Protein backbone atom coordinates (compact mmCIF):
# COMPACT_ATOMS: atom_id res chain seq x y z
CA MET A 1 39.52 -50.57 -7.64
CA TRP A 2 41.89 -48.77 -8.39
CA GLY A 3 40.51 -47.43 -11.88
CA GLU A 4 37.08 -46.64 -9.27
CA MET A 5 39.12 -44.73 -7.00
CA LEU A 6 40.68 -42.76 -9.95
CA LEU A 7 37.68 -42.54 -11.78
CA ARG A 8 36.39 -39.97 -8.70
CA THR A 9 39.39 -37.61 -8.63
CA LYS A 10 38.27 -36.39 -11.72
CA LEU A 11 36.18 -33.54 -11.46
CA SER A 12 33.71 -34.74 -14.10
CA ALA A 13 32.28 -37.56 -11.71
CA PHE A 14 30.84 -34.01 -10.39
CA ARG A 15 28.90 -32.39 -12.47
CA TYR A 16 25.20 -32.43 -13.06
CA THR A 17 23.00 -29.59 -14.42
CA TYR A 18 19.65 -27.60 -13.58
CA PRO A 19 17.95 -25.71 -15.04
CA LYS A 20 18.54 -21.50 -14.21
CA GLN A 21 15.18 -20.70 -12.44
CA ALA A 22 16.29 -23.49 -9.66
CA VAL A 23 18.74 -21.09 -8.21
CA ALA A 24 17.69 -18.96 -5.59
CA LYS A 25 17.79 -15.43 -5.54
CA PHE A 26 16.09 -14.77 -2.05
CA PRO A 27 15.97 -16.67 1.06
CA ALA A 28 12.94 -19.08 2.13
CA ASP A 29 10.60 -16.90 4.48
CA PRO A 30 10.50 -18.56 7.07
CA ARG A 31 14.38 -19.41 7.02
CA ASP A 32 13.57 -22.89 8.54
CA GLY A 33 10.99 -23.31 5.57
CA ALA A 34 13.49 -24.08 3.51
CA ARG A 35 12.93 -27.62 2.08
CA LEU A 36 15.96 -30.54 3.35
CA LEU A 37 16.74 -34.10 1.22
CA VAL A 38 17.95 -36.32 4.18
CA VAL A 39 20.47 -38.27 2.73
CA HIS A 40 21.11 -41.58 4.82
CA ARG A 41 24.66 -42.77 4.18
CA ALA A 42 23.99 -46.49 5.66
CA SER A 43 21.33 -46.99 3.76
CA GLY A 44 21.68 -44.42 0.88
CA GLU A 45 17.84 -43.80 1.21
CA LEU A 46 16.76 -39.74 0.46
CA GLU A 47 13.74 -38.19 2.61
CA HIS A 48 11.79 -35.10 1.38
CA ARG A 49 11.88 -33.09 4.63
CA THR A 50 11.09 -29.31 6.00
CA PHE A 51 14.71 -27.63 7.30
CA HIS A 52 13.00 -27.30 10.80
CA ASP A 53 12.31 -31.49 10.80
CA ILE A 54 15.61 -31.30 11.54
CA VAL A 55 14.89 -31.33 15.33
CA GLU A 56 13.64 -35.20 15.02
CA TYR A 57 17.61 -36.59 13.42
CA LEU A 58 19.52 -35.21 16.95
CA GLN A 59 19.49 -36.71 19.85
CA LYS A 60 20.66 -34.98 23.67
CA GLY A 61 24.24 -34.57 23.91
CA ASP A 62 24.95 -34.88 19.75
CA CYS A 63 26.56 -31.01 19.14
CA ILE A 64 25.61 -29.13 16.31
CA VAL A 65 28.82 -27.65 15.52
CA VAL A 66 27.92 -23.56 14.15
CA ASN A 67 30.59 -20.49 12.29
CA ASP A 68 29.60 -17.51 14.04
CA THR A 69 31.48 -15.00 11.32
CA TRP A 70 30.34 -12.01 10.86
CA VAL A 71 29.85 -10.78 7.45
CA TYR A 72 30.47 -7.22 5.83
CA PRO A 73 29.52 -5.60 3.03
CA ALA A 74 33.26 -5.69 0.81
CA ARG A 75 32.32 -3.92 -2.10
CA LEU A 76 32.37 -0.32 -2.18
CA ILE A 77 32.06 1.60 -5.34
CA GLY A 78 34.23 5.12 -5.21
CA LYS A 79 35.86 7.17 -8.42
CA LYS A 80 39.41 7.07 -10.13
CA GLU A 81 41.17 10.75 -9.51
CA ARG A 82 41.06 12.65 -12.05
CA THR A 83 39.42 10.72 -14.84
CA HIS A 84 36.54 9.96 -12.00
CA ALA A 85 35.23 7.05 -13.40
CA PRO A 86 33.49 4.67 -11.63
CA ILE A 87 35.61 1.73 -10.10
CA GLU A 88 34.56 -1.70 -8.36
CA VAL A 89 36.55 -1.89 -4.73
CA ILE A 90 35.79 -5.28 -3.33
CA LEU A 91 37.97 -6.11 -0.06
CA ALA A 92 38.74 -9.22 0.59
CA ARG A 93 41.22 -9.03 3.81
CA GLU A 94 42.82 -6.88 5.81
CA LEU A 95 46.76 -6.76 5.95
CA SER A 96 47.02 -4.49 8.65
CA ARG A 97 44.45 -2.80 10.56
CA GLU A 98 46.59 -0.07 12.07
CA GLY A 99 47.59 1.17 8.17
CA ASN A 100 43.88 0.19 6.85
CA ILE A 101 45.54 -2.47 4.76
CA TRP A 102 43.40 -4.56 3.16
CA GLU A 103 43.98 -7.22 -0.60
CA ALA A 104 41.46 -6.18 -2.67
CA LEU A 105 39.73 -7.44 -5.65
CA VAL A 106 39.10 -3.67 -8.62
CA GLU A 107 36.83 -3.48 -11.40
CA PRO A 108 37.61 -3.05 -14.46
CA ALA A 109 41.08 -3.56 -13.15
CA ARG A 110 43.11 -2.59 -16.57
CA LYS A 111 41.76 0.96 -15.57
CA VAL A 112 43.62 0.47 -11.89
CA ARG A 113 47.10 0.61 -11.55
CA ILE A 114 50.78 1.23 -9.10
CA GLY A 115 50.06 4.76 -7.50
CA ASN A 116 46.60 5.42 -8.61
CA LYS A 117 44.30 7.04 -6.08
CA VAL A 118 40.34 6.11 -5.86
CA TYR A 119 38.29 8.75 -4.12
CA PHE A 120 34.71 7.27 -1.58
CA ASP A 121 32.19 9.08 -0.20
CA ASN A 122 32.47 12.34 -2.00
CA ASN A 123 35.85 12.57 -1.74
CA ARG A 124 36.36 11.99 2.15
CA PHE A 125 38.76 9.80 1.77
CA TYR A 126 40.24 7.39 -0.80
CA ALA A 127 42.40 4.18 -1.04
CA GLU A 128 45.65 3.92 -2.95
CA ILE A 129 47.44 1.23 -5.03
CA ILE A 130 50.80 0.31 -3.24
CA ASP A 131 51.22 -3.50 -5.28
CA ASN A 132 49.27 -5.46 -7.95
CA THR A 133 48.70 -9.29 -6.08
CA THR A 134 46.50 -11.24 -9.19
CA SER A 135 45.07 -10.15 -12.86
CA ARG A 136 42.85 -8.04 -10.28
CA GLY A 137 44.04 -8.24 -6.95
CA ARG A 138 45.85 -5.16 -5.70
CA ILE A 139 47.11 -4.42 -2.55
CA VAL A 140 45.53 -1.18 -1.48
CA ARG A 141 45.75 1.62 1.43
CA PHE A 142 43.11 3.91 2.86
CA SER A 143 43.82 7.15 3.65
CA TYR A 144 40.35 6.90 6.52
CA THR A 145 42.08 6.86 10.25
CA GLY A 146 39.07 5.46 11.49
CA ASP A 147 37.52 1.85 12.10
CA LEU A 148 36.72 0.90 8.38
CA TYR A 149 34.38 -1.63 8.85
CA LYS A 150 31.54 1.24 10.31
CA VAL A 151 32.29 3.07 6.86
CA MET A 152 31.75 -0.43 4.85
CA GLU A 153 28.77 -0.69 6.89
CA ARG A 154 27.17 2.72 5.87
CA LEU A 155 28.24 2.25 1.74
CA GLY A 156 29.60 -0.99 1.20
CA SER A 157 27.06 -3.53 -0.43
CA VAL A 158 27.28 -7.42 0.02
CA ILE A 159 28.70 -9.53 -2.94
CA LEU A 160 25.69 -11.83 -3.98
CA PRO A 161 27.54 -14.80 -6.30
CA SER A 162 27.47 -14.01 -10.27
CA TYR A 163 24.84 -16.78 -10.31
CA VAL A 164 21.62 -15.17 -8.44
CA GLN A 165 21.64 -12.51 -11.35
CA ARG A 166 20.98 -9.64 -9.62
CA GLN A 167 22.22 -6.76 -8.09
CA PRO A 168 22.27 -6.35 -3.86
CA GLU A 169 19.79 -5.10 -2.45
CA GLU A 170 19.31 -3.52 1.49
CA GLY A 171 18.11 -6.61 2.94
CA ASP A 172 20.99 -8.69 1.86
CA LYS A 173 23.63 -7.42 4.34
CA GLU A 174 19.98 -8.76 6.93
CA TRP A 175 19.74 -11.99 5.25
CA TYR A 176 24.36 -12.81 4.72
CA GLN A 177 23.81 -13.06 8.65
CA THR A 178 22.94 -16.15 10.86
CA ILE A 179 21.06 -16.14 13.88
CA PHE A 180 25.08 -17.30 15.44
CA ALA A 181 26.55 -14.03 13.76
CA ASN A 182 28.79 -12.02 16.61
CA PRO A 183 29.52 -9.07 15.34
CA GLU A 184 33.08 -9.34 17.91
CA LYS A 185 33.52 -12.32 14.40
CA ILE A 186 33.92 -9.75 10.96
CA GLY A 187 35.52 -11.10 9.10
CA SER A 188 33.74 -13.03 5.89
CA LEU A 189 33.39 -11.84 2.46
CA ALA A 190 29.59 -14.09 2.20
CA PRO A 191 27.97 -15.94 5.03
CA PRO A 192 28.52 -19.47 6.16
CA THR A 193 25.36 -20.34 3.61
CA ALA A 194 24.23 -23.59 5.44
CA GLY A 195 23.53 -21.81 8.82
CA LEU A 196 21.15 -19.39 6.78
CA HIS A 197 18.02 -21.57 7.85
CA PHE A 198 18.56 -22.07 11.40
CA THR A 199 15.88 -19.75 13.19
CA ARG A 200 15.45 -18.79 16.88
CA GLU A 201 12.56 -20.56 17.49
CA LEU A 202 14.60 -23.93 16.07
CA VAL A 203 17.23 -23.73 18.21
CA GLN A 204 15.40 -23.18 20.98
CA LYS A 205 13.79 -27.17 20.30
CA LEU A 206 17.02 -27.72 19.65
CA LEU A 207 18.59 -26.60 23.22
CA GLN A 208 15.56 -28.22 25.08
CA LYS A 209 16.16 -31.85 22.98
CA GLY A 210 19.36 -31.52 24.77
CA VAL A 211 21.49 -30.64 21.77
CA GLN A 212 23.80 -28.54 22.20
CA LEU A 213 25.36 -25.77 19.75
CA ILE A 214 28.54 -25.27 19.41
CA PRO A 215 30.64 -21.82 17.75
CA ILE A 216 33.92 -21.43 16.23
CA THR A 217 34.57 -19.52 13.97
CA VAL A 218 35.52 -19.19 9.88
CA HIS A 219 36.29 -16.75 8.01
CA ILE A 220 34.31 -17.19 4.60
CA GLY A 221 36.83 -15.58 2.14
CA ALA A 222 37.06 -14.74 -2.01
CA GLY A 223 38.06 -18.55 -2.19
CA THR A 224 34.01 -19.31 -1.70
CA PHE A 225 33.30 -17.76 -5.52
CA GLU A 226 36.38 -19.52 -7.06
CA THR A 227 35.57 -23.35 -9.49
CA ILE A 228 37.88 -25.77 -10.25
CA ASP A 229 39.35 -25.63 -13.21
CA VAL A 230 41.17 -28.69 -13.65
CA GLU A 231 40.34 -32.54 -14.00
CA ASP A 232 42.61 -33.82 -11.65
CA LEU A 233 41.56 -32.57 -8.11
CA SER A 234 44.17 -34.18 -6.63
CA LYS A 235 46.21 -31.37 -8.82
CA HIS A 236 43.74 -28.03 -7.16
CA THR A 237 44.87 -25.59 -4.43
CA MET A 238 42.19 -24.50 -2.04
CA SER A 239 42.31 -20.39 -0.92
CA SER A 240 42.82 -20.53 2.45
CA GLU A 241 40.66 -19.42 5.42
CA TYR A 242 41.41 -18.16 9.27
CA PHE A 243 39.39 -20.36 11.38
CA ASP A 244 38.99 -20.47 15.15
CA VAL A 245 38.09 -23.70 17.29
CA SER A 246 38.52 -22.04 21.28
CA PRO A 247 39.87 -24.70 23.69
CA GLN A 248 35.81 -24.49 25.09
CA ALA A 249 34.55 -25.67 21.38
CA ALA A 250 37.42 -28.22 21.35
CA GLU A 251 36.73 -30.07 24.97
CA ALA A 252 33.26 -29.50 24.64
CA ILE A 253 33.55 -31.62 21.03
CA ASN A 254 35.70 -33.97 22.44
CA ARG A 255 32.97 -34.48 25.50
CA ALA A 256 30.24 -35.46 22.60
CA LEU A 257 32.35 -37.24 21.02
CA ARG A 258 33.81 -39.49 23.69
CA HIS A 259 30.23 -40.00 24.65
CA ARG A 260 30.20 -41.04 21.37
CA LYS A 261 27.61 -38.09 20.14
CA ARG A 262 27.30 -37.09 16.95
CA VAL A 263 28.69 -33.91 15.54
CA TYR A 264 27.02 -31.88 13.05
CA ALA A 265 29.21 -29.96 11.21
CA VAL A 266 26.93 -26.47 9.32
CA GLY A 267 28.30 -26.29 7.00
CA CYS A 268 31.69 -27.32 4.52
CA SER A 269 34.15 -24.46 6.28
CA VAL A 270 33.23 -25.71 9.75
CA VAL A 271 34.10 -29.19 8.19
CA ARG A 272 37.44 -27.93 7.11
CA ALA A 273 38.39 -26.61 10.05
CA LEU A 274 37.80 -29.17 12.73
CA GLU A 275 39.35 -31.91 9.71
CA SER A 276 42.53 -28.87 9.85
CA SER A 277 41.89 -29.24 14.10
CA ALA A 278 42.24 -33.00 14.63
CA LEU A 279 45.17 -34.66 16.75
CA SER A 280 43.76 -37.98 15.64
CA VAL A 281 40.01 -39.78 15.36
CA GLY A 282 37.80 -37.99 17.87
CA VAL A 283 40.48 -35.74 19.39
CA VAL A 284 40.16 -31.85 18.28
CA LYS A 285 42.70 -29.31 18.90
CA PRO A 286 42.62 -25.32 20.11
CA THR A 287 43.27 -24.31 17.34
CA ARG A 288 43.83 -20.46 15.10
CA GLY A 289 45.22 -20.21 11.80
CA TRP A 290 44.29 -21.26 8.88
CA THR A 291 43.46 -23.18 6.59
CA ASP A 292 43.19 -24.20 2.69
CA ARG A 293 42.38 -28.37 3.12
CA PHE A 294 40.82 -29.56 0.44
CA ILE A 295 38.22 -32.72 1.27
CA TYR A 296 37.61 -34.11 -1.61
CA PRO A 297 36.52 -38.38 -2.23
CA PRO A 298 38.01 -40.64 -0.79
CA TYR A 299 38.73 -39.00 2.28
CA GLU A 300 38.77 -40.17 6.22
CA PHE A 301 37.25 -38.00 8.36
CA ARG A 302 38.57 -37.80 11.85
CA ILE A 303 36.21 -35.26 13.89
CA VAL A 304 32.53 -34.96 11.75
CA GLN A 305 30.13 -38.15 11.05
CA SER A 306 27.03 -35.25 9.90
CA MET A 307 26.74 -32.62 8.15
CA ILE A 308 24.02 -29.59 7.48
CA THR A 309 25.41 -28.21 3.90
CA ASN A 310 23.33 -26.14 0.72
CA PHE A 311 23.34 -27.27 -3.10
CA HIS A 312 26.40 -26.41 -4.59
CA PRO A 313 27.32 -24.97 -7.58
CA PRO A 314 29.05 -27.51 -10.26
CA ASN A 315 32.67 -27.43 -10.32
CA SER A 316 32.69 -25.82 -6.37
CA PRO A 317 34.86 -27.52 -3.73
CA SER A 318 31.94 -27.64 -1.81
CA LEU A 319 30.11 -29.95 -3.29
CA LEU A 320 33.11 -32.10 -3.06
CA VAL A 321 33.10 -32.44 0.36
CA GLY A 322 29.71 -33.97 0.73
CA ALA A 323 30.53 -36.19 -1.63
CA ALA A 324 33.56 -37.19 0.33
CA LEU A 325 31.31 -37.67 3.74
CA ALA A 326 28.10 -39.39 1.87
CA GLY A 327 29.93 -41.21 -1.63
CA PRO A 328 30.47 -39.96 -5.25
CA GLU A 329 27.31 -42.33 -6.33
CA LEU A 330 25.39 -41.05 -2.92
CA ILE A 331 25.55 -37.33 -3.06
CA MET A 332 25.34 -37.23 -6.71
CA LYS A 333 22.10 -39.38 -6.79
CA ALA A 334 21.06 -37.02 -4.18
CA TYR A 335 21.41 -33.80 -6.73
CA ARG A 336 19.92 -35.26 -9.53
CA THR A 337 16.98 -35.81 -7.37
CA ALA A 338 17.03 -32.27 -6.33
CA VAL A 339 16.80 -30.73 -9.26
CA LYS A 340 14.04 -33.12 -10.46
CA GLU A 341 11.90 -32.29 -7.17
CA GLY A 342 12.03 -28.91 -7.83
CA TYR A 343 14.46 -28.15 -5.11
CA ARG A 344 15.86 -23.99 -4.99
CA LEU A 345 19.66 -24.37 -5.47
CA PHE A 346 23.04 -21.94 -3.72
CA ALA A 347 23.70 -19.70 -1.28
CA TYR A 348 19.85 -19.01 -0.71
CA GLY A 349 18.10 -22.90 -1.44
CA ASP A 350 17.18 -25.18 0.39
CA ALA A 351 19.58 -27.81 2.26
CA MET A 352 20.92 -31.61 2.87
CA LEU A 353 21.30 -33.15 5.79
CA ILE A 354 24.31 -36.11 6.00
CA LEU A 355 24.00 -38.86 8.12
């Protein structure tokens, strides 16, 4: 028993291979036409469906917790002062709105040092490097005095994961937003990908069936692009994400749990936020703050019973959230089956429903 449990904390237990052509470069059209692999935890059964069939699995009173974060196009291309060398600046996290100070990633980092300025928009404004954080990380202060998010909407592009292997297109700005995205909740570098499969027509069917849709906010940060590089999972440190579970959301979730209805988390970040807000089994507390909760097997869930997720890359923390819920053996069986059956993988790929 102890040997089996130790094995489950090893990264190598969650590796799998896939062909490069399985990586989706664009979302399904329509979005709810993506394939859906239904994973039954109790029986170990796998079903092959289409995402809009998800209506069949939910009952009146069940609640789906979705992420209403808004993705901003965080990638800006500027020119270094004097040399005019092109510099990529990815705005990872806003530190001070009043001072327009941001934590950023720059490339090529070796050319950008403290005191340097990078100019944008035909030299209309610049970012001054005021500190270093990591090898590529910098703290930057913008000379622009207005709303920098509006500038990014005009000048910026979204950040595609490296595995997509194409340049961002204008359509990605729209494809990267879920239908739940609220412009007043701006703050994500990347989308909550599990939510990309929902359409307004599908949501209407769910509401007509009496299913509740509960929004919370989780800002997806640069950590979503990180992978685990330690074999012993207990040694991995997650990057923090900001989340906000409102009193209204907490009450709706708690009411569903009291009435023994299912709570479906849409995406791994929603799972982490809900589990970070749990007071005890079956009770969510309104919470606003940062979480670096790393969920991997074995894990005792206090709130989440079912989840909707995408197929994630090997060595990714998100794969392990699914493994913690479904069990390591079943989740890896699901991944191997998905690869064999030609499912589309990763951010723009197909979906999995873990029941």
